[in-house]
Amino acid sequence: MKKIEAIIQPSKLEEVKQALIGIGVDGMTAIEVRGHGRQKGHKEIYRGHEYVVDLLPKLKLEIVVADSRVEEVVETLMRAARTGRIGDGKIFISHVEDAIRIRNADRGEAAL
């Protein structure tokens, strides 16, 4: 099993969610996060004072899938989350040792 973590623009959540549902991905976790990469934030003016906003709002999606579905899920994420502009996000893939469904003790891929 693999865990796919995707950092995306908040405005792309619905599009990404619908695309994943469209390929049969049932479960995901969405977490509001803040961060920056190459874009380094931006400046805003509030009540006449300039502020540097260097940690921008993003969403982190966590999805655990069978090894055989990784490429399909990654391609779907990239297609749905891409705007073509800096700040579109990143995808990280890591190995998951085991998964256990608390309700009935299913293990491994059966718990997904």
C-alpha atoms as a PDB file:
ATOM      1  CA  MET A   1       0.000   0.000   0.000  1.00  0.00           C
ATOM      2  CA  LYS A   2       1.071   3.571  -0.598  1.00  0.00           C
ATOM      3  CA  LYS A   3       0.138   6.844   1.034  1.00  0.00           C
ATOM      4  CA  ILE A   4      -0.231   9.717  -1.402  1.00  0.00           C
ATOM      5  CA  GLU A   5       0.030  13.181   0.116  1.00  0.00           C
ATOM      6  CA  ALA A   6      -0.941  16.032  -2.183  1.00  0.00           C
ATOM      7  CA  ILE A   7      -0.542  19.713  -1.346  1.00  0.00           C
ATOM      8  CA  ILE A   8      -3.006  21.622  -3.548  1.00  0.00           C
ATOM      9  CA  GLN A   9      -4.642  25.010  -3.966  1.00  0.00           C
ATOM     10  CA  PRO A  10      -7.800  25.266  -1.801  1.00  0.00           C
ATOM     11  CA  SER A  11      -9.794  26.398  -4.832  1.00  0.00           C
ATOM     12  CA  LYS A  12      -9.125  23.047  -6.544  1.00  0.00           C
ATOM     13  CA  LEU A  13     -10.571  20.836  -3.790  1.00  0.00           C
ATOM     14  CA  GLU A  14     -13.980  20.185  -5.376  1.00  0.00           C
ATOM     15  CA  GLU A  15     -12.483  19.447  -8.781  1.00  0.00           C
ATOM     16  CA  VAL A  16      -9.908  17.077  -7.276  1.00  0.00           C
ATOM     17  CA  LYS A  17     -12.483  15.394  -5.055  1.00  0.00           C
ATOM     18  CA  GLN A  18     -14.868  14.781  -7.957  1.00  0.00           C
ATOM     19  CA  ALA A  19     -12.042  13.445 -10.142  1.00  0.00           C
ATOM     20  CA  LEU A  20     -10.980  10.991  -7.423  1.00  0.00           C
ATOM     21  CA  ILE A  21     -14.558   9.859  -6.842  1.00  0.00           C
ATOM     22  CA  GLY A  22     -14.806   9.382 -10.610  1.00  0.00           C
ATOM     23  CA  ILE A  23     -12.022   6.773 -10.547  1.00  0.00           C
ATOM     24  CA  GLY A  24     -13.419   5.019  -7.487  1.00  0.00           C
ATOM     25  CA  VAL A  25     -11.279   6.478  -4.693  1.00  0.00           C
ATOM     26  CA  ASP A  26     -13.597   6.324  -1.697  1.00  0.00           C
ATOM     27  CA  GLY A  27     -11.538   7.677   1.171  1.00  0.00           C
ATOM     28  CA  MET A  28      -9.344  10.697   1.683  1.00  0.00           C
ATOM     29  CA  THR A  29      -8.425  13.113   4.424  1.00  0.00           C
ATOM     30  CA  ALA A  30      -8.263  16.864   3.739  1.00  0.00           C
ATOM     31  CA  ILE A  31      -6.306  19.104   6.100  1.00  0.00           C
ATOM     32  CA  GLU A  32      -6.005  22.897   5.934  1.00  0.00           C
ATOM     33  CA  VAL A  33      -2.315  23.803   6.008  1.00  0.00           C
ATOM     34  CA  ARG A  34      -0.106  26.824   5.348  1.00  0.00           C
ATOM     35  CA  GLY A  35       3.189  26.877   3.535  1.00  0.00           C
ATOM     36  CA  HIS A  36       5.230  28.106   0.619  1.00  0.00           C
ATOM     37  CA  GLY A  37       7.582  26.790  -1.981  1.00  0.00           C
ATOM     38  CA  ARG A  38       9.124  28.807  -4.770  1.00  0.00           C
ATOM     39  CA  GLN A  39       6.383  31.427  -4.723  1.00  0.00           C
ATOM     40  CA  LYS A  40       7.598  32.715  -1.321  1.00  0.00           C
ATOM     41  CA  GLY A  41       4.291  34.416  -0.487  1.00  0.00           C
ATOM     42  CA  HIS A  42       3.168  37.940  -1.321  1.00  0.00           C
ATOM     43  CA  LYS A  43       2.651  41.403   0.159  1.00  0.00           C
ATOM     44  CA  GLU A  44      -0.692  42.775   1.323  1.00  0.00           C
ATOM     45  CA  ILE A  45      -1.735  46.166   2.631  1.00  0.00           C
ATOM     46  CA  TYR A  46      -4.007  46.319   5.676  1.00  0.00           C
ATOM     47  CA  ARG A  47      -5.027  49.688   7.144  1.00  0.00           C
ATOM     48  CA  GLY A  48      -2.185  51.416   5.390  1.00  0.00           C
ATOM     49  CA  HIS A  49       0.541  49.022   6.523  1.00  0.00           C
ATOM     50  CA  GLU A  50       2.309  46.556   4.276  1.00  0.00           C
ATOM     51  CA  TYR A  51       2.546  42.955   5.466  1.00  0.00           C
ATOM     52  CA  VAL A  52       4.427  40.025   3.986  1.00  0.00           C
ATOM     53  CA  VAL A  53       2.253  36.923   3.839  1.00  0.00           C
ATOM     54  CA  ASP A  54       4.843  34.185   3.466  1.00  0.00           C
ATOM     55  CA  LEU A  55       2.776  31.168   4.517  1.00  0.00           C
ATOM     56  CA  LEU A  56      -0.046  30.730   2.034  1.00  0.00           C
ATOM     57  CA  PRO A  57      -3.200  28.664   2.617  1.00  0.00           C
ATOM     58  CA  LYS A  58      -3.091  25.225   1.002  1.00  0.00           C
ATOM     59  CA  LEU A  59      -4.879  21.903   1.403  1.00  0.00           C
ATOM     60  CA  LYS A  60      -3.134  18.634   2.153  1.00  0.00           C
ATOM     61  CA  LEU A  61      -4.911  15.530   0.908  1.00  0.00           C
ATOM     62  CA  GLU A  62      -3.922  12.135   2.279  1.00  0.00           C
ATOM     63  CA  ILE A  63      -5.019   9.046   0.365  1.00  0.00           C
ATOM     64  CA  VAL A  64      -3.944   5.441   0.975  1.00  0.00           C
ATOM     65  CA  VAL A  65      -4.297   3.120  -2.009  1.00  0.00           C
ATOM     66  CA  ALA A  66      -3.204  -0.297  -3.206  1.00  0.00           C
ATOM     67  CA  ASP A  67       0.177  -0.278  -4.973  1.00  0.00           C
ATOM     68  CA  SER A  68      -1.545  -1.065  -8.275  1.00  0.00           C
ATOM     69  CA  ARG A  69      -3.582   2.189  -8.150  1.00  0.00           C
ATOM     70  CA  VAL A  70      -0.792   4.668  -7.391  1.00  0.00           C
ATOM     71  CA  GLU A  71      -0.111   5.877 -10.946  1.00  0.00           C
ATOM     72  CA  GLU A  72      -3.813   6.231 -11.757  1.00  0.00           C
ATOM     73  CA  VAL A  73      -4.437   8.295  -8.612  1.00  0.00           C
ATOM     74  CA  VAL A  74      -1.333  10.458  -9.158  1.00  0.00           C
ATOM     75  CA  GLU A  75      -2.294  11.180 -12.786  1.00  0.00           C
ATOM     76  CA  THR A  76      -5.840  12.060 -11.710  1.00  0.00           C
ATOM     77  CA  LEU A  77      -4.545  14.375  -8.968  1.00  0.00           C
ATOM     78  CA  MET A  78      -2.176  16.156 -11.347  1.00  0.00           C
ATOM     79  CA  ARG A  79      -4.816  16.603 -14.025  1.00  0.00           C
ATOM     80  CA  ALA A  80      -7.466  17.929 -11.601  1.00  0.00           C
ATOM     81  CA  ALA A  81      -5.192  20.152  -9.447  1.00  0.00           C
ATOM     82  CA  ARG A  82      -3.092  21.748 -12.208  1.00  0.00           C
ATOM     83  CA  THR A  83      -3.604  25.410 -13.088  1.00  0.00           C
ATOM     84  CA  GLY A  84      -0.253  25.788 -14.846  1.00  0.00           C
ATOM     85  CA  ARG A  85       0.850  28.553 -12.487  1.00  0.00           C
ATOM     86  CA  ILE A  86       3.417  28.554  -9.720  1.00  0.00           C
ATOM     87  CA  GLY A  87       1.958  27.290  -6.445  1.00  0.00           C
ATOM     88  CA  ASP A  88      -0.029  24.353  -7.867  1.00  0.00           C
ATOM     89  CA  GLY A  89       1.483  22.094  -5.209  1.00  0.00           C
ATOM     90  CA  LYS A  90       3.355  18.835  -4.791  1.00  0.00           C
ATOM     91  CA  ILE A  91       2.629  15.127  -4.478  1.00  0.00           C
ATOM     92  CA  PHE A  92       4.537  12.826  -2.117  1.00  0.00           C
ATOM     93  CA  ILE A  93       4.313   9.029  -2.130  1.00  0.00           C
ATOM     94  CA  SER A  94       5.393   6.826   0.758  1.00  0.00           C
ATOM     95  CA  HIS A  95       5.064   3.183   1.749  1.00  0.00           C
ATOM     96  CA  VAL A  96       2.379   2.153   4.266  1.00  0.00           C
ATOM     97  CA  GLU A  97       3.294  -0.854   6.384  1.00  0.00           C
ATOM     98  CA  ASP A  98      -0.253  -1.772   7.398  1.00  0.00           C
ATOM     99  CA  ALA A  99      -3.784  -0.410   7.749  1.00  0.00           C
ATOM    100  CA  ILE A 100      -6.384  -1.542  10.268  1.00  0.00           C
ATOM    101  CA  ARG A 101     -10.090  -0.736  10.226  1.00  0.00           C
ATOM    102  CA  ILE A 102     -11.060  -0.088  13.846  1.00  0.00           C
ATOM    103  CA  ARG A 103     -14.713  -1.145  13.421  1.00  0.00           C
ATOM    104  CA  ASN A 104     -14.065  -4.775  12.468  1.00  0.00           C
ATOM    105  CA  ALA A 105     -10.263  -5.263  12.576  1.00  0.00           C
ATOM    106  CA  ASP A 106      -9.867  -5.673   8.786  1.00  0.00           C
ATOM    107  CA  ARG A 107      -6.186  -5.393   7.873  1.00  0.00           C
ATOM    108  CA  GLY A 108      -4.159  -4.386   4.839  1.00  0.00           C
ATOM    109  CA  GLU A 109      -5.959  -3.506   1.615  1.00  0.00           C
ATOM    110  CA  ALA A 110      -9.208  -4.891   3.041  1.00  0.00           C
ATOM    111  CA  ALA A 111      -9.154  -2.007   5.553  1.00  0.00           C
ATOM    112  CA  LEU A 112      -9.067   0.581   2.790  1.00  0.00           C
END
